[in-house]
Amino acid sequence: MGPYSEQKQIERAGAIKRLLDDNPNMDPVTRAMWERKANALAVSEEEYNARVKAIYSNMKRGVIEYE
């Protein structure tokens, strides 16, 4: 996740809209999932940053050892 970009969010919304428009026979469950994704896009930098913080604050640091 990078810094908030209003342009990037607009691009994401457009991509989802095109996906839905181009696939009128999409499975209803899949369509509903994409519609939820479109409706859940962050609309402000504050909302975006709060989500990023919530995601990364729950992660634990650790070392992965490879053999």
PDB file of N, CA and C in Angstrom:
ATOM      1  N   MET A   1       0.849  -1.173   0.000  1.00  0.00           N
ATOM      2  CA  MET A   1       0.000   0.000   0.000  1.00  0.00           C
ATOM      3  C   MET A   1       0.894   1.234   0.000  1.00  0.00           C
ATOM      4  N   GLY A   2       0.584   2.124  -0.864  1.00  0.00           N
ATOM      5  CA  GLY A   2       1.355   3.347  -0.936  1.00  0.00           C
ATOM      6  C   GLY A   2       0.590   4.505  -0.338  1.00  0.00           C
ATOM      7  N   PRO A   3       1.084   5.699  -0.558  1.00  0.00           N
ATOM      8  CA  PRO A   3       0.372   6.859  -0.046  1.00  0.00           C
ATOM      9  C   PRO A   3      -0.973   7.029  -0.755  1.00  0.00           C
ATOM     10  N   TYR A   4      -1.899   7.692  -0.098  1.00  0.00           N
ATOM     11  CA  TYR A   4      -3.224   7.916  -0.669  1.00  0.00           C
ATOM     12  C   TYR A   4      -3.124   8.710  -1.964  1.00  0.00           C
ATOM     13  N   SER A   5      -3.902   8.302  -2.933  1.00  0.00           N
ATOM     14  CA  SER A   5      -3.964   9.013  -4.208  1.00  0.00           C
ATOM     15  C   SER A   5      -5.420   9.011  -4.669  1.00  0.00           C
ATOM     16  N   GLU A   6      -6.002  10.198  -4.734  1.00  0.00           N
ATOM     17  CA  GLU A   6      -7.383  10.298  -5.208  1.00  0.00           C
ATOM     18  C   GLU A   6      -7.491   9.759  -6.630  1.00  0.00           C
ATOM     19  N   GLN A   7      -6.495  10.043  -7.456  1.00  0.00           N
ATOM     20  CA  GLN A   7      -6.498   9.555  -8.833  1.00  0.00           C
ATOM     21  C   GLN A   7      -6.492   8.025  -8.870  1.00  0.00           C
ATOM     22  N   LYS A   8      -5.704   7.399  -8.005  1.00  0.00           N
ATOM     23  CA  LYS A   8      -5.641   5.932  -7.963  1.00  0.00           C
ATOM     24  C   LYS A   8      -6.994   5.345  -7.550  1.00  0.00           C
ATOM     25  N   GLN A   9      -7.664   5.984  -6.595  1.00  0.00           N
ATOM     26  CA  GLN A   9      -8.973   5.492  -6.162  1.00  0.00           C
ATOM     27  C   GLN A   9      -9.990   5.629  -7.302  1.00  0.00           C
ATOM     28  N   ILE A  10      -9.907   6.723  -8.061  1.00  0.00           N
ATOM     29  CA  ILE A  10     -10.793   6.906  -9.207  1.00  0.00           C
ATOM     30  C   ILE A  10     -10.525   5.816 -10.250  1.00  0.00           C
ATOM     31  N   GLU A  11      -9.256   5.509 -10.473  1.00  0.00           N
ATOM     32  CA  GLU A  11      -8.892   4.443 -11.418  1.00  0.00           C
ATOM     33  C   GLU A  11      -9.413   3.095 -10.944  1.00  0.00           C
ATOM     34  N   ARG A  12      -9.294   2.830  -9.656  1.00  0.00           N
ATOM     35  CA  ARG A  12      -9.798   1.557  -9.115  1.00  0.00           C
ATOM     36  C   ARG A  12     -11.311   1.452  -9.300  1.00  0.00           C
ATOM     37  N   ALA A  13     -12.024   2.524  -8.987  1.00  0.00           N
ATOM     38  CA  ALA A  13     -13.479   2.529  -9.149  1.00  0.00           C
ATOM     39  C   ALA A  13     -13.855   2.318 -10.616  1.00  0.00           C
ATOM     40  N   GLY A  14     -13.131   2.975 -11.517  1.00  0.00           N
ATOM     41  CA  GLY A  14     -13.399   2.819 -12.946  1.00  0.00           C
ATOM     42  C   GLY A  14     -13.149   1.405 -13.432  1.00  0.00           C
ATOM     43  N   ALA A  15     -12.078   0.801 -12.935  1.00  0.00           N
ATOM     44  CA  ALA A  15     -11.762  -0.574 -13.334  1.00  0.00           C
ATOM     45  C   ALA A  15     -12.853  -1.540 -12.881  1.00  0.00           C
ATOM     46  N   ILE A  16     -13.353  -1.345 -11.683  1.00  0.00           N
ATOM     47  CA  ILE A  16     -14.421  -2.221 -11.181  1.00  0.00           C
ATOM     48  C   ILE A  16     -15.697  -1.989 -11.972  1.00  0.00           C
ATOM     49  N   LYS A  17     -16.010  -0.721 -12.268  1.00  0.00           N
ATOM     50  CA  LYS A  17     -17.211  -0.427 -13.059  1.00  0.00           C
ATOM     51  C   LYS A  17     -17.125  -1.074 -14.435  1.00  0.00           C
ATOM     52  N   ARG A  18     -15.960  -0.980 -15.082  1.00  0.00           N
ATOM     53  CA  ARG A  18     -15.792  -1.610 -16.408  1.00  0.00           C
ATOM     54  C   ARG A  18     -15.959  -3.128 -16.307  1.00  0.00           C
ATOM     55  N   LEU A  19     -15.384  -3.713 -15.271  1.00  0.00           N
ATOM     56  CA  LEU A  19     -15.506  -5.158 -15.072  1.00  0.00           C
ATOM     57  C   LEU A  19     -16.978  -5.557 -14.971  1.00  0.00           C
ATOM     58  N   LEU A  20     -17.736  -4.802 -14.180  1.00  0.00           N
ATOM     59  CA  LEU A  20     -19.157  -5.122 -14.007  1.00  0.00           C
ATOM     60  C   LEU A  20     -19.949  -4.866 -15.291  1.00  0.00           C
ATOM     61  N   ASP A  21     -19.653  -3.744 -15.963  1.00  0.00           N
ATOM     62  CA  ASP A  21     -20.373  -3.407 -17.196  1.00  0.00           C
ATOM     63  C   ASP A  21     -20.076  -4.387 -18.323  1.00  0.00           C
ATOM     64  N   ASP A  22     -18.840  -4.868 -18.390  1.00  0.00           N
ATOM     65  CA  ASP A  22     -18.422  -5.761 -19.469  1.00  0.00           C
ATOM     66  C   ASP A  22     -18.850  -7.208 -19.259  1.00  0.00           C
ATOM     67  N   ASN A  23     -19.379  -7.517 -18.079  1.00  0.00           N
ATOM     68  CA  ASN A  23     -19.751  -8.900 -17.757  1.00  0.00           C
ATOM     69  C   ASN A  23     -21.159  -8.952 -17.188  1.00  0.00           C
ATOM     70  N   PRO A  24     -22.168  -8.685 -18.016  1.00  0.00           N
ATOM     71  CA  PRO A  24     -23.546  -8.652 -17.514  1.00  0.00           C
ATOM     72  C   PRO A  24     -24.038  -9.999 -16.990  1.00  0.00           C
ATOM     73  N   ASN A  25     -23.429 -11.091 -17.419  1.00  0.00           N
ATOM     74  CA  ASN A  25     -23.858 -12.420 -16.979  1.00  0.00           C
ATOM     75  C   ASN A  25     -22.994 -12.967 -15.848  1.00  0.00           C
ATOM     76  N   MET A  26     -22.267 -12.084 -15.178  1.00  0.00           N
ATOM     77  CA  MET A  26     -21.408 -12.499 -14.079  1.00  0.00           C
ATOM     78  C   MET A  26     -22.250 -13.158 -12.970  1.00  0.00           C
ATOM     79  N   ASP A  27     -21.692 -14.177 -12.380  1.00  0.00           N
ATOM     80  CA  ASP A  27     -22.331 -14.855 -11.258  1.00  0.00           C
ATOM     81  C   ASP A  27     -22.748 -13.817 -10.209  1.00  0.00           C
ATOM     82  N   PRO A  28     -23.974 -13.878  -9.709  1.00  0.00           N
ATOM     83  CA  PRO A  28     -24.460 -12.875  -8.755  1.00  0.00           C
ATOM     84  C   PRO A  28     -23.599 -12.729  -7.498  1.00  0.00           C
ATOM     85  N   VAL A  29     -23.020 -13.808  -7.042  1.00  0.00           N
ATOM     86  CA  VAL A  29     -22.169 -13.735  -5.847  1.00  0.00           C
ATOM     87  C   VAL A  29     -20.899 -12.944  -6.162  1.00  0.00           C
ATOM     88  N   THR A  30     -20.312 -13.211  -7.315  1.00  0.00           N
ATOM     89  CA  THR A  30     -19.106 -12.491  -7.733  1.00  0.00           C
ATOM     90  C   THR A  30     -19.432 -11.022  -7.981  1.00  0.00           C
ATOM     91  N   ARG A  31     -20.555 -10.749  -8.624  1.00  0.00           N
ATOM     92  CA  ARG A  31     -20.972  -9.368  -8.877  1.00  0.00           C
ATOM     93  C   ARG A  31     -21.146  -8.622  -7.554  1.00  0.00           C
ATOM     94  N   ALA A  32     -21.788  -9.249  -6.597  1.00  0.00           N
ATOM     95  CA  ALA A  32     -22.002  -8.613  -5.293  1.00  0.00           C
ATOM     96  C   ALA A  32     -20.669  -8.320  -4.603  1.00  0.00           C
ATOM     97  N   MET A  33     -19.710  -9.238  -4.735  1.00  0.00           N
ATOM     98  CA  MET A  33     -18.399  -9.017  -4.131  1.00  0.00           C
ATOM     99  C   MET A  33     -17.740  -7.786  -4.732  1.00  0.00           C
ATOM    100  N   TRP A  34     -17.767  -7.653  -6.066  1.00  0.00           N
ATOM    101  CA  TRP A  34     -17.144  -6.506  -6.725  1.00  0.00           C
ATOM    102  C   TRP A  34     -17.884  -5.214  -6.416  1.00  0.00           C
ATOM    103  N   GLU A  35     -19.196  -5.284  -6.298  1.00  0.00           N
ATOM    104  CA  GLU A  35     -19.956  -4.093  -5.922  1.00  0.00           C
ATOM    105  C   GLU A  35     -19.589  -3.639  -4.509  1.00  0.00           C
ATOM    106  N   ARG A  36     -19.405  -4.597  -3.597  1.00  0.00           N
ATOM    107  CA  ARG A  36     -18.960  -4.250  -2.232  1.00  0.00           C
ATOM    108  C   ARG A  36     -17.584  -3.616  -2.257  1.00  0.00           C
ATOM    109  N   LYS A  37     -16.688  -4.164  -3.089  1.00  0.00           N
ATOM    110  CA  LYS A  37     -15.339  -3.593  -3.209  1.00  0.00           C
ATOM    111  C   LYS A  37     -15.415  -2.145  -3.695  1.00  0.00           C
ATOM    112  N   ALA A  38     -16.245  -1.885  -4.701  1.00  0.00           N
ATOM    113  CA  ALA A  38     -16.381  -0.532  -5.237  1.00  0.00           C
ATOM    114  C   ALA A  38     -16.932   0.420  -4.179  1.00  0.00           C
ATOM    115  N   ASN A  39     -17.910  -0.041  -3.428  1.00  0.00           N
ATOM    116  CA  ASN A  39     -18.520   0.806  -2.400  1.00  0.00           C
ATOM    117  C   ASN A  39     -17.603   1.031  -1.208  1.00  0.00           C
ATOM    118  N   ALA A  40     -16.620   0.167  -1.033  1.00  0.00           N
ATOM    119  CA  ALA A  40     -15.737   0.253   0.136  1.00  0.00           C
ATOM    120  C   ALA A  40     -14.447   1.019  -0.138  1.00  0.00           C
ATOM    121  N   LEU A  41     -14.254   1.520  -1.353  1.00  0.00           N
ATOM    122  CA  LEU A  41     -13.035   2.270  -1.639  1.00  0.00           C
ATOM    123  C   LEU A  41     -12.971   3.508  -0.745  1.00  0.00           C
ATOM    124  N   ALA A  42     -11.786   3.776  -0.221  1.00  0.00           N
ATOM    125  CA  ALA A  42     -11.592   4.956   0.626  1.00  0.00           C
ATOM    126  C   ALA A  42     -11.838   6.215  -0.191  1.00  0.00           C
ATOM    127  N   VAL A  43     -12.543   7.167   0.410  1.00  0.00           N
ATOM    128  CA  VAL A  43     -12.870   8.401  -0.307  1.00  0.00           C
ATOM    129  C   VAL A  43     -12.110   9.612   0.235  1.00  0.00           C
ATOM    130  N   SER A  44     -11.259   9.380   1.225  1.00  0.00           N
ATOM    131  CA  SER A  44     -10.443  10.477   1.751  1.00  0.00           C
ATOM    132  C   SER A  44      -9.113   9.923   2.246  1.00  0.00           C
ATOM    133  N   GLU A  45      -8.147  10.803   2.356  1.00  0.00           N
ATOM    134  CA  GLU A  45      -6.840  10.378   2.847  1.00  0.00           C
ATOM    135  C   GLU A  45      -6.932   9.903   4.289  1.00  0.00           C
ATOM    136  N   GLU A  46      -7.764  10.545   5.083  1.00  0.00           N
ATOM    137  CA  GLU A  46      -7.919  10.146   6.485  1.00  0.00           C
ATOM    138  C   GLU A  46      -8.467   8.724   6.601  1.00  0.00           C
ATOM    139  N   GLU A  47      -9.485   8.420   5.792  1.00  0.00           N
ATOM    140  CA  GLU A  47     -10.072   7.078   5.803  1.00  0.00           C
ATOM    141  C   GLU A  47      -9.046   6.044   5.338  1.00  0.00           C
ATOM    142  N   TYR A  48      -8.328   6.363   4.283  1.00  0.00           N
ATOM    143  CA  TYR A  48      -7.312   5.464   3.738  1.00  0.00           C
ATOM    144  C   TYR A  48      -6.233   5.188   4.783  1.00  0.00           C
ATOM    145  N   ASN A  49      -5.721   6.247   5.400  1.00  0.00           N
ATOM    146  CA  ASN A  49      -4.660   6.076   6.400  1.00  0.00           C
ATOM    147  C   ASN A  49      -5.141   5.281   7.604  1.00  0.00           C
ATOM    148  N   ALA A  50      -6.375   5.482   8.018  1.00  0.00           N
ATOM    149  CA  ALA A  50      -6.925   4.706   9.136  1.00  0.00           C
ATOM    150  C   ALA A  50      -6.970   3.224   8.785  1.00  0.00           C
ATOM    151  N   ARG A  51      -7.329   2.909   7.556  1.00  0.00           N
ATOM    152  CA  ARG A  51      -7.375   1.502   7.130  1.00  0.00           C
ATOM    153  C   ARG A  51      -5.980   0.891   7.090  1.00  0.00           C
ATOM    154  N   VAL A  52      -5.018   1.652   6.551  1.00  0.00           N
ATOM    155  CA  VAL A  52      -3.643   1.161   6.492  1.00  0.00           C
ATOM    156  C   VAL A  52      -3.134   0.895   7.906  1.00  0.00           C
ATOM    157  N   LYS A  53      -3.382   1.823   8.806  1.00  0.00           N
ATOM    158  CA  LYS A  53      -2.943   1.663  10.192  1.00  0.00           C
ATOM    159  C   LYS A  53      -3.584   0.428  10.818  1.00  0.00           C
ATOM    160  N   ALA A  54      -4.890   0.241  10.584  1.00  0.00           N
ATOM    161  CA  ALA A  54      -5.592  -0.914  11.157  1.00  0.00           C
ATOM    162  C   ALA A  54      -5.011  -2.223  10.630  1.00  0.00           C
ATOM    163  N   ILE A  55      -4.677  -2.259   9.359  1.00  0.00           N
ATOM    164  CA  ILE A  55      -4.128  -3.489   8.771  1.00  0.00           C
ATOM    165  C   ILE A  55      -2.742  -3.793   9.338  1.00  0.00           C
ATOM    166  N   TYR A  56      -1.860  -2.785   9.319  1.00  0.00           N
ATOM    167  CA  TYR A  56      -0.475  -3.036   9.697  1.00  0.00           C
ATOM    168  C   TYR A  56      -0.253  -3.061  11.203  1.00  0.00           C
ATOM    169  N   SER A  57      -1.116  -2.457  11.985  1.00  0.00           N
ATOM    170  CA  SER A  57      -0.927  -2.490  13.439  1.00  0.00           C
ATOM    171  C   SER A  57      -1.231  -3.873  14.004  1.00  0.00           C
ATOM    172  N   ASN A  58      -1.972  -4.683  13.271  1.00  0.00           N
ATOM    173  CA  ASN A  58      -2.300  -6.034  13.729  1.00  0.00           C
ATOM    174  C   ASN A  58      -1.281  -7.074  13.294  1.00  0.00           C
ATOM    175  N   MET A  59      -0.296  -6.653  12.513  1.00  0.00           N
ATOM    176  CA  MET A  59       0.725  -7.589  12.052  1.00  0.00           C
ATOM    177  C   MET A  59       1.827  -7.698  13.102  1.00  0.00           C
ATOM    178  N   LYS A  60       2.372  -8.867  13.222  1.00  0.00           N
ATOM    179  CA  LYS A  60       3.457  -9.092  14.158  1.00  0.00           C
ATOM    180  C   LYS A  60       4.767  -9.191  13.387  1.00  0.00           C
ATOM    181  N   ARG A  61       5.789  -8.594  13.953  1.00  0.00           N
ATOM    182  CA  ARG A  61       7.111  -8.696  13.330  1.00  0.00           C
ATOM    183  C   ARG A  61       7.718 -10.032  13.707  1.00  0.00           C
ATOM    184  N   GLY A  62       8.414 -10.571  12.790  1.00  0.00           N
ATOM    185  CA  GLY A  62       9.076 -11.834  13.053  1.00  0.00           C
ATOM    186  C   GLY A  62      10.148 -12.087  12.018  1.00  0.00           C
ATOM    187  N   VAL A  63      10.980 -13.002  12.328  1.00  0.00           N
ATOM    188  CA  VAL A  63      12.041 -13.372  11.415  1.00  0.00           C
ATOM    189  C   VAL A  63      11.683 -14.729  10.823  1.00  0.00           C
ATOM    190  N   ILE A  64      11.757 -14.816   9.529  1.00  0.00           N
ATOM    191  CA  ILE A  64      11.508 -16.070   8.849  1.00  0.00           C
ATOM    192  C   ILE A  64      12.851 -16.695   8.541  1.00  0.00           C
ATOM    193  N   GLU A  65      13.040 -17.890   9.014  1.00  0.00           N
ATOM    194  CA  GLU A  65      14.303 -18.577   8.776  1.00  0.00           C
ATOM    195  C   GLU A  65      14.116 -19.597   7.667  1.00  0.00           C
ATOM    196  N   TYR A  66      15.041 -19.578   6.743  1.00  0.00           N
ATOM    197  CA  TYR A  66      15.028 -20.532   5.624  1.00  0.00           C
ATOM    198  C   TYR A  66      16.166 -21.511   5.798  1.00  0.00           C
ATOM    199  N   GLU A  67      15.914 -22.724   5.399  1.00  0.00           N
ATOM    200  CA  GLU A  67      16.968 -23.743   5.498  1.00  0.00           C
ATOM    201  C   GLU A  67      17.793 -23.779   4.256  1.00  0.00           C
TER     202      GLU A  67
END
